[in-house]
Structure formats: structure tokens, C-alpha cells
Amino acid sequence: MPGPLDGIRILDTTAMFSGPLATMILGDQGADVVKIEVPGGTGDTMRVSGISRGGIAATFHAVNRNKRSIVVDLRDPRGVDVVHRLADGADVFVENYRPGVADRLGIGADALRARNPRLVYVSLSAWGDSGPLARRPAFDSILQATAGYAASQAGDDGRPELVHNSVVDKVTGLVASQAITAALLARERGAGGQHVRLNMLDTGVAFLWIDVMQHRTFVGDERTAKNAWLRLLRTRDGWVMISLVQDAMFAACARALDDEALARDPRFARAAERMTHLGALCDELEARTAGTTTAALCARLRDHDVPHAPVTALEEVEALDQVRWNETLLVSDHPASGRVRHARPVARFEATPASVRRLAPALGEHTDEVLREIGIGAEAVAALRRDGVVA
């Protein structure tokens, strides 16, 4: 069975993480994603960023499967015409240029939707279309510093720290994929095409607001963040995480540790008190966990149904029993990179399954094929290729 988005064509001019992740999710769900890359270099810069094999980086593999790659020079009017013809038959167009660049290239929302009113045109940016920061360049780390992520990671010494992955980029990609699907549903219900705008600042702040920013929620009662948060607890040979959200969980933990004094401590009797005295609670727990092995501690916690987990090394995640049981990771053969390990499509549809139909494409691998589909013959493609308009 084809995926739920079978028959949907998406044109993707984005690079880096957020846009490519969004379109890959939709490609996993059956959409035909055409990745439009620039000539004269490596295309999407993520092709050569970080660990690579066979000329393709691991991060590029991670967000660019189920796509076809074409190379088009958008500085040439003939290249713009190629994109116009592609957009005439597309359902979705995604770009992440700085505000105004797509319009200057001739592939902005007004230009493409004038030709195809049913087109869902999606613009991703760092800061938004306008405002004091709109024209500034930015990457995930810059957004983490600006939107509160670095401050939220500060420890007792007050030193801010980055989250050690591209969290704002990735959550923007997740939101974008949902927004695109919603816009397609609205179109099917008669709303027509539309311009959908997302920016990393809005997305990052919204994501953080759910829990980290609770002290700023109630207007007129704003407070200063205490940066009080759960922390990992040391054992004799490693680290463990224990979560005591509910009062019953705390009581069970005290029993698991065979510590009636801890159970009777008024500082920890209720959830509100535990949050107020979170640092002290973690100190008390670690005083009891540091002398035992991780395996022995986890066995006791498991016997008392206390939510917990040992810290898993990055190199050991793929070997976790539940990861293997879920088949969370796939291993596939790539013509250039050999055997590659990647995460399977996360959502599992009963009737319209998501699938991995192709791995990350070579730069310009499908240019001739895609141009042929829009009626550009072999001789015309050869002429465009000779002139450097396509590759």
C-alpha cells in the first residue's frame, strides 16, 4: 500500500536541517519530493558537513532520504523557468532563504501562486519576515542563545550551556511537516492554496514555553527562574535517572532505597515541596545511590515500579532491547556510502504505511528524469546542461 501522501509532489529548495527534515517526513509518508540544489559546488552544504563516507555526510543521509535531487541555477532566467514549470504541477513549494531572496530570484509566493493557485507555499526563516533581526543570518546555536535554551541549561554555577544537538532546527522541521499537511487538508476542503510562514524563533520559544517558561506564564505574577531541574544521580559505576513526579512514586522510591527517614522528610512529602527543595532531594538521593552499582539500583527500583533508567552511552543506543524490538533503526545499502544505519519513519500507519523507498540522492542524480516529466526533451536538457543552467 502507498503512504498517506502518495500523489503529492513537493519542491524543496531548502538546505541544512529544518526544511529537509520536514520534507523527508512527508517523503516517508509517500510524497514525491524533488530537492532543488544549486550548481557549482556541493549543493546543500549538509552533504559535506561532519562524518561522511562515499562523499555524503551522515547528517545529510539523516534528513534527505525519499527525495530526488536536481541541480538548477536560479540566477539564470532559464533556470527560473524550469522551476516555474515544476511548480505549475506541484502541490507544495518549500524555501528557507532569507526574507526577500525568493522574490528577487523570481520564485516567491506571489510569482508561483499566480501560476498555480492550489500551491501550498512554505517559507521557513530564522527570525521572521520583518523586524529588527529579520535580515540577520542565524543557525541553531544562535537561536538557542537567543530563545532561552542556553540559559535553561545553566547549572548551579550559572554558566549557560547549549543543548548538544540542533533542537530548534529539528523542532521547526517537525512543526513545518505538520503545518504542510494541515494546509493540504484545508486545500482539499476548499480553502485553496496558501502561503505558510514559520520561523525558528517563534517555534523555539513556543517549544520552550511548555515547561521551562512556566514562571513567566501568569501575567502580573512573573518570577525569576531558579533553574531547578531534575539531575542525573551518580552510582558506583555510572549514572541513573529517577523521576518522582507523583507522590506515590516518591514513596515507592523510598521503599526501594529502604529508607523510612527519607519517606518521612517533610521537604519531600508532596510534589510542590519536592520541586521547592529539588536540589536537596537530588543530594539526598545521590547520597543513597552513589554506593551501589547501577544494575543493583535499577533492579530495586524496578521491583518497586519506580520510573527510572540508567544512562545509555551513545554507542549503546542501537543495542537497547526495546530499540531492537521496535525496529527503531534500519540498515540499508547506499550506492556511494555502503551500509548506512538510519531511523525508520516514526509514525506507523495501519492502512497507508510510511516507507523508505530511496536513500539520500547524489547531487543532480535525477535532473534528466524530473525535467523529462515536465516535457523538457533530451536535446533541450543537454543544451541547458552545456550552459550550466542544470547539472
Protein backbone atom coordinates (compact mmCIF):
# COMPACT_ATOMS: atom_id res chain seq x y z
CA MET A 1 0.00 0.00 0.00
CA PRO A 2 1.27 3.51 -0.77
CA GLY A 3 1.77 6.04 2.01
CA PRO A 4 -0.89 8.60 3.06
CA LEU A 5 0.67 11.37 0.93
CA ASP A 6 1.02 9.32 -2.24
CA GLY A 7 0.38 11.55 -5.26
CA ILE A 8 1.56 14.76 -3.56
CA ARG A 9 4.54 16.47 -5.22
CA ILE A 10 6.79 18.71 -3.13
CA LEU A 11 9.51 21.03 -4.42
CA ASP A 12 12.19 21.57 -1.79
CA THR A 13 14.79 24.32 -2.19
CA THR A 14 15.85 24.21 1.47
CA ALA A 15 19.21 23.30 2.96
CA MET A 16 20.58 22.45 6.42
CA PHE A 17 18.11 20.75 8.83
CA SER A 18 14.64 22.22 9.36
CA GLY A 19 13.38 22.27 5.77
CA PRO A 20 14.99 18.98 4.72
CA LEU A 21 13.65 17.23 7.83
CA ALA A 22 10.13 18.49 7.15
CA THR A 23 10.14 17.33 3.54
CA MET A 24 11.76 13.99 4.39
CA ILE A 25 8.96 13.22 6.84
CA LEU A 26 6.45 13.93 4.07
CA GLY A 27 8.51 11.86 1.65
CA ASP A 28 8.48 8.96 4.12
CA GLN A 29 4.70 9.28 4.09
CA GLY A 30 4.55 8.86 0.31
CA ALA A 31 5.06 12.33 -1.18
CA ASP A 32 7.26 12.75 -4.25
CA VAL A 33 9.92 15.20 -3.03
CA VAL A 34 12.14 16.93 -5.59
CA LYS A 35 15.16 18.54 -3.94
CA ILE A 36 16.36 21.56 -5.95
CA GLU A 37 20.05 22.24 -5.34
CA VAL A 38 22.47 24.89 -6.57
CA PRO A 39 25.27 24.25 -9.10
CA GLY A 40 28.95 24.94 -8.83
CA GLY A 41 29.77 23.19 -5.58
CA THR A 42 28.32 20.63 -3.23
CA GLY A 43 24.64 21.62 -3.40
CA ASP A 44 23.15 21.51 0.08
CA THR A 45 26.08 22.27 2.40
CA MET A 46 24.99 19.44 4.70
CA ARG A 47 26.24 16.98 2.05
CA VAL A 48 29.78 17.53 3.32
CA SER A 49 29.24 18.55 6.96
CA GLY A 50 30.55 16.20 9.62
CA ILE A 51 31.26 12.49 9.38
CA SER A 52 30.91 11.24 5.81
CA ARG A 53 31.54 8.22 3.61
CA GLY A 54 31.38 7.99 -0.14
CA GLY A 55 31.12 11.77 -0.39
CA ILE A 56 27.87 12.04 1.59
CA ALA A 57 27.69 13.13 5.23
CA ALA A 58 25.78 11.19 7.87
CA THR A 59 23.64 14.23 8.68
CA PHE A 60 22.66 14.57 5.01
CA HIS A 61 21.61 10.93 4.95
CA ALA A 62 19.55 11.52 8.10
CA VAL A 63 17.21 14.14 6.59
CA ASN A 64 17.27 13.55 2.82
CA ARG A 65 16.00 10.08 2.05
CA ASN A 66 12.93 9.62 -0.17
CA LYS A 67 13.95 12.57 -2.36
CA ARG A 68 15.11 13.10 -5.90
CA SER A 69 17.86 15.66 -6.50
CA ILE A 70 18.06 18.09 -9.39
CA VAL A 71 20.53 20.93 -9.88
CA VAL A 72 19.19 24.22 -11.26
CA ASP A 73 20.87 27.64 -11.48
CA LEU A 74 18.27 30.11 -10.22
CA ARG A 75 20.46 33.05 -11.22
CA ASP A 76 19.71 32.22 -14.86
CA PRO A 77 16.24 33.06 -16.23
CA ARG A 78 16.14 29.66 -17.91
CA GLY A 79 16.66 28.02 -14.52
CA VAL A 80 13.84 30.10 -13.05
CA ASP A 81 11.64 28.97 -15.94
CA VAL A 82 12.43 25.34 -15.10
CA VAL A 83 11.31 25.91 -11.50
CA HIS A 84 8.16 27.71 -12.70
CA ARG A 85 7.25 24.73 -14.86
CA LEU A 86 7.88 22.36 -11.99
CA ALA A 87 5.78 24.49 -9.63
CA ASP A 88 2.90 24.53 -12.12
CA GLY A 89 2.31 20.86 -11.34
CA ALA A 90 3.41 20.80 -7.71
CA ASP A 91 1.34 20.71 -4.54
CA VAL A 92 3.91 22.20 -2.15
CA PHE A 93 6.93 24.50 -2.51
CA VAL A 94 9.31 24.93 0.45
CA GLU A 95 12.07 27.55 0.78
CA ASN A 96 14.31 28.80 3.58
CA TYR A 97 16.05 31.78 2.01
CA ARG A 98 16.46 34.97 3.96
CA PRO A 99 13.32 37.16 3.65
CA GLY A 100 13.06 38.72 0.19
CA VAL A 101 15.56 36.46 -1.57
CA ALA A 102 12.98 34.13 -3.13
CA ASP A 103 11.11 37.13 -4.55
CA ARG A 104 14.31 38.54 -6.03
CA LEU A 105 15.03 35.19 -7.66
CA GLY A 106 11.57 35.13 -9.21
CA ILE A 107 10.34 32.13 -7.21
CA GLY A 108 8.48 33.91 -4.42
CA ALA A 109 4.98 33.03 -3.27
CA ASP A 110 3.25 35.64 -5.45
CA ALA A 111 5.05 34.55 -8.60
CA LEU A 112 4.43 30.84 -8.17
CA ARG A 113 0.89 31.03 -6.80
CA ALA A 114 -0.14 33.34 -9.64
CA ARG A 115 0.61 30.41 -11.93
CA ASN A 116 -0.72 27.71 -9.59
CA PRO A 117 -3.33 28.95 -7.08
CA ARG A 118 -3.54 25.50 -5.47
CA LEU A 119 0.10 25.62 -4.45
CA VAL A 120 0.93 25.48 -0.73
CA TYR A 121 3.97 27.76 -0.49
CA VAL A 122 6.02 27.39 2.70
CA SER A 123 8.62 29.90 3.90
CA LEU A 124 10.98 29.00 6.73
CA SER A 125 13.22 31.64 8.27
CA ALA A 126 15.30 32.20 11.37
CA TRP A 127 13.61 35.30 12.79
CA GLY A 128 10.51 36.09 10.72
CA ASP A 129 9.75 38.15 7.62
CA SER A 130 10.27 41.52 9.30
CA GLY A 131 11.54 43.11 12.49
CA PRO A 132 14.91 44.11 13.94
CA LEU A 133 16.55 40.70 13.42
CA ALA A 134 14.87 39.62 10.19
CA ARG A 135 17.90 40.13 7.94
CA ARG A 136 20.47 38.63 10.27
CA PRO A 137 21.98 35.23 9.49
CA ALA A 138 21.45 32.55 12.09
CA PHE A 139 21.97 28.89 12.84
CA ASP A 140 20.54 26.65 15.53
CA SER A 141 23.16 27.64 18.10
CA ILE A 142 22.33 31.33 17.60
CA LEU A 143 18.64 30.62 18.19
CA GLN A 144 19.44 28.57 21.28
CA ALA A 145 21.34 31.52 22.72
CA THR A 146 18.56 33.98 21.86
CA ALA A 147 15.43 32.00 22.69
CA GLY A 148 16.38 30.87 26.19
CA TYR A 149 17.72 27.38 25.59
CA ALA A 150 21.28 28.16 26.65
CA ALA A 151 20.05 29.90 29.80
CA SER A 152 17.76 26.98 30.62
CA GLN A 153 20.73 24.60 30.62
CA ALA A 154 22.71 26.58 33.21
CA GLY A 155 23.85 24.67 36.26
CA ASP A 156 24.43 25.84 39.81
CA ASP A 157 27.37 27.96 38.66
CA GLY A 158 25.06 29.95 36.36
CA ARG A 159 27.10 29.21 33.24
CA PRO A 160 24.77 28.84 30.23
CA GLU A 161 25.22 25.80 28.00
CA LEU A 162 23.92 24.83 24.59
CA VAL A 163 21.71 21.80 24.15
CA HIS A 164 24.08 19.41 22.41
CA ASN A 165 22.01 18.93 19.27
CA SER A 166 20.19 21.13 16.76
CA VAL A 167 16.99 21.16 18.80
CA VAL A 168 15.45 24.37 17.40
CA ASP A 169 16.19 23.37 13.82
CA LYS A 170 14.65 19.96 14.33
CA VAL A 171 11.51 21.07 16.13
CA THR A 172 10.94 23.66 13.39
CA GLY A 173 11.11 20.86 10.85
CA LEU A 174 8.58 18.81 12.80
CA VAL A 175 6.18 21.76 13.07
CA ALA A 176 6.63 22.54 9.37
CA SER A 177 5.72 19.00 8.32
CA GLN A 178 2.52 19.17 10.35
CA ALA A 179 1.68 22.64 9.00
CA ILE A 180 2.14 21.46 5.42
CA THR A 181 -0.16 18.51 5.97
CA ALA A 182 -2.76 20.79 7.57
CA ALA A 183 -2.57 23.21 4.63
CA LEU A 184 -3.06 20.33 2.19
CA LEU A 185 -6.11 19.19 4.18
CA ALA A 186 -7.51 22.74 4.13
CA ARG A 187 -6.99 22.83 0.37
CA GLU A 188 -8.95 19.62 -0.06
CA ARG A 189 -11.76 21.18 1.96
CA GLY A 190 -11.98 24.12 -0.41
CA ALA A 191 -9.58 26.72 1.02
CA GLY A 192 -7.25 26.60 -1.97
CA GLY A 193 -3.52 27.04 -1.76
CA GLN A 194 -1.94 29.42 0.72
CA HIS A 195 1.33 30.87 1.97
CA VAL A 196 2.50 29.25 5.23
CA ARG A 197 5.24 31.02 7.20
CA LEU A 198 7.30 29.61 10.07
CA ASN A 199 10.37 30.91 11.81
CA MET A 200 12.78 29.28 14.21
CA LEU A 201 12.42 31.97 16.87
CA ASP A 202 8.65 31.53 17.20
CA THR A 203 8.93 27.76 17.10
CA GLY A 204 11.79 27.66 19.59
CA VAL A 205 10.08 29.94 22.10
CA ALA A 206 6.79 28.04 21.81
CA PHE A 207 8.56 24.73 22.39
CA LEU A 208 10.42 26.08 25.42
CA TRP A 209 7.32 27.75 26.88
CA ILE A 210 5.58 24.47 27.63
CA ASP A 211 7.66 23.76 30.71
CA VAL A 212 10.81 25.86 31.06
CA MET A 213 8.91 29.16 30.94
CA GLN A 214 6.15 28.34 33.42
CA HIS A 215 7.45 31.08 35.74
CA ARG A 216 6.52 33.65 33.04
CA THR A 217 3.03 32.33 32.30
CA PHE A 218 0.86 34.20 34.80
CA VAL A 219 0.73 37.88 33.91
CA GLY A 220 1.31 40.08 36.94
CA ASP A 221 2.93 37.22 38.83
CA GLU A 222 6.12 36.79 36.81
CA ARG A 223 9.04 35.27 38.66
CA THR A 224 12.74 34.76 38.15
CA ALA A 225 13.70 31.28 37.01
CA LYS A 226 15.54 29.20 39.58
CA ASN A 227 16.91 26.74 37.03
CA ALA A 228 15.81 23.99 39.40
CA TRP A 229 15.53 20.79 37.41
CA LEU A 230 15.98 17.10 37.83
CA ARG A 231 19.53 15.85 37.55
CA LEU A 232 21.23 12.57 36.94
CA LEU A 233 22.33 10.65 40.01
CA ARG A 234 25.73 9.04 40.34
CA THR A 235 26.07 5.35 41.11
CA ARG A 236 29.21 3.38 41.90
CA ASP A 237 29.79 2.62 38.21
CA GLY A 238 27.64 5.04 36.23
CA TRP A 239 24.59 7.27 36.29
CA VAL A 240 20.85 6.81 36.64
CA MET A 241 17.75 8.94 36.15
CA ILE A 242 14.88 8.66 38.62
CA SER A 243 11.61 10.52 38.05
CA LEU A 244 9.39 11.15 41.08
CA VAL A 245 6.59 13.26 39.64
CA GLN A 246 3.81 11.72 41.71
CA ASP A 247 3.72 11.31 45.48
CA ALA A 248 3.24 7.56 45.14
CA MET A 249 6.43 7.36 43.07
CA PHE A 250 8.42 9.11 45.80
CA ALA A 251 7.04 6.75 48.43
CA ALA A 252 7.92 3.76 46.25
CA CYS A 253 11.43 5.11 45.74
CA ALA A 254 11.94 5.47 49.49
CA ARG A 255 10.86 1.85 49.92
CA ALA A 256 13.21 0.74 47.14
CA LEU A 257 16.05 2.50 48.94
CA ASP A 258 14.85 1.02 52.27
CA ASP A 259 14.89 4.49 53.80
CA GLU A 260 11.98 5.38 56.07
CA ALA A 261 13.64 8.65 57.12
CA LEU A 262 13.58 9.84 53.53
CA ALA A 263 9.92 8.89 53.24
CA ARG A 264 9.06 10.97 56.33
CA ASP A 265 11.10 14.06 55.38
CA PRO A 266 8.56 16.94 55.21
CA ARG A 267 10.58 18.68 52.50
CA PHE A 268 9.66 15.94 50.07
CA ALA A 269 6.19 14.90 51.21
CA ARG A 270 4.30 16.45 48.28
CA ALA A 271 5.16 17.29 44.69
CA ALA A 272 5.16 21.05 45.35
CA GLU A 273 7.58 20.64 48.26
CA ARG A 274 9.83 18.37 46.21
CA MET A 275 10.04 21.00 43.48
CA THR A 276 10.84 23.71 46.04
CA HIS A 277 13.59 21.56 47.55
CA LEU A 278 14.66 19.80 44.35
CA GLY A 279 18.37 20.40 44.87
CA ALA A 280 18.22 18.96 48.37
CA LEU A 281 16.19 16.00 47.14
CA CYS A 282 18.77 15.17 44.48
CA ASP A 283 21.54 15.45 47.08
CA GLU A 284 19.70 13.07 49.42
CA LEU A 285 19.03 10.58 46.65
CA GLU A 286 22.60 10.64 45.39
CA ALA A 287 23.92 10.03 48.89
CA ARG A 288 22.00 6.75 48.73
CA THR A 289 22.70 5.79 45.11
CA ALA A 290 26.43 6.53 44.95
CA GLY A 291 27.39 3.44 46.93
CA THR A 292 25.61 0.86 44.80
CA THR A 293 26.06 -0.38 41.26
CA THR A 294 23.75 0.78 38.52
CA ALA A 295 22.45 -2.74 37.91
CA ALA A 296 21.64 -3.36 41.58
CA LEU A 297 19.96 0.01 41.99
CA CYS A 298 17.87 -0.42 38.86
CA ALA A 299 16.76 -3.87 39.99
CA ARG A 300 15.45 -2.45 43.27
CA LEU A 301 13.74 0.46 41.55
CA ARG A 302 12.19 -1.90 39.02
CA ASP A 303 10.86 -4.17 41.77
CA HIS A 304 9.04 -1.15 43.25
CA ASP A 305 7.81 0.17 39.89
CA VAL A 306 9.76 3.44 40.20
CA PRO A 307 10.26 5.25 36.86
CA HIS A 308 14.00 5.14 36.19
CA ALA A 309 16.64 4.47 33.57
CA PRO A 310 20.38 4.01 33.51
CA VAL A 311 22.23 6.45 31.29
CA THR A 312 22.90 4.80 27.94
CA ALA A 313 26.10 5.64 26.09
CA LEU A 314 25.51 6.92 22.56
CA GLU A 315 27.33 3.90 21.18
CA GLU A 316 24.93 1.57 23.01
CA VAL A 317 21.57 3.06 21.97
CA GLU A 318 21.23 0.86 18.89
CA ALA A 319 21.70 -2.28 21.02
CA LEU A 320 18.92 -1.49 23.52
CA ASP A 321 16.45 -4.36 23.72
CA GLN A 322 13.44 -2.08 23.19
CA VAL A 323 15.08 -0.34 20.23
CA ARG A 324 15.66 -3.73 18.63
CA TRP A 325 12.14 -4.89 19.50
CA ASN A 326 10.61 -1.74 17.96
CA GLU A 327 12.91 -1.94 14.92
CA THR A 328 13.56 1.75 15.53
CA LEU A 329 16.65 1.68 13.34
CA LEU A 330 17.08 0.34 9.82
CA VAL A 331 20.21 -0.68 7.93
CA SER A 332 20.15 -0.07 4.17
CA ASP A 333 22.60 -0.28 1.29
CA HIS A 334 23.55 3.03 -0.36
CA PRO A 335 25.40 3.00 -3.70
CA ALA A 336 28.03 5.51 -2.54
CA SER A 337 28.10 5.22 1.25
CA GLY A 338 27.62 1.48 1.62
CA ARG A 339 25.59 0.17 4.53
CA VAL A 340 24.01 3.02 6.47
CA ARG A 341 22.06 2.96 9.73
CA HIS A 342 19.10 5.32 10.00
CA ALA A 343 15.92 5.84 12.00
CA ARG A 344 12.79 4.36 10.49
CA PRO A 345 9.75 6.56 9.81
CA VAL A 346 8.35 7.16 13.27
CA ALA A 347 4.59 7.23 12.65
CA ARG A 348 3.25 3.78 11.82
CA PHE A 349 0.10 3.93 9.73
CA GLU A 350 -2.08 0.83 9.75
CA ALA A 351 -3.62 1.24 6.29
CA THR A 352 -1.17 3.54 4.48
CA PRO A 353 2.31 2.70 5.77
CA ALA A 354 5.23 5.07 5.58
CA SER A 355 8.29 3.57 3.91
CA VAL A 356 11.87 4.14 2.81
CA ARG A 357 11.78 3.90 -0.97
CA ARG A 358 15.13 5.50 -1.73
CA LEU A 359 18.10 6.71 0.27
CA ALA A 360 19.80 10.11 0.04
CA PRO A 361 20.35 11.08 -3.60
CA ALA A 362 23.59 12.03 -5.31
CA LEU A 363 23.80 15.68 -6.34
CA GLY A 364 21.76 16.11 -9.52
CA GLU A 365 21.08 12.39 -9.75
CA HIS A 366 17.55 12.89 -11.09
CA THR A 367 17.84 16.10 -13.14
CA ASP A 368 17.18 14.46 -16.51
CA GLU A 369 14.38 12.29 -15.14
CA VAL A 370 12.49 15.14 -13.46
CA LEU A 371 12.87 17.56 -16.38
CA ARG A 372 11.62 14.89 -18.75
CA GLU A 373 8.48 14.58 -16.60
CA ILE A 374 7.61 18.24 -17.26
CA GLY A 375 8.11 17.91 -21.00
CA ILE A 376 11.69 19.13 -21.43
CA GLY A 377 13.23 16.86 -24.05
CA ALA A 378 16.68 15.32 -24.10
CA GLU A 379 18.12 17.87 -26.54
CA ALA A 380 16.84 20.81 -24.50
CA VAL A 381 18.20 19.29 -21.30
CA ALA A 382 21.57 18.75 -22.96
CA ALA A 383 21.65 22.40 -24.03
CA LEU A 384 20.77 23.58 -20.54
CA ARG A 385 23.47 21.33 -19.13
CA ARG A 386 26.09 22.66 -21.57
CA ASP A 387 25.27 26.19 -20.45
CA GLY A 388 25.46 25.29 -16.76
CA VAL A 389 21.77 26.01 -16.14
CA VAL A 390 21.18 22.47 -14.88
CA ALA A 391 23.52 19.72 -13.80
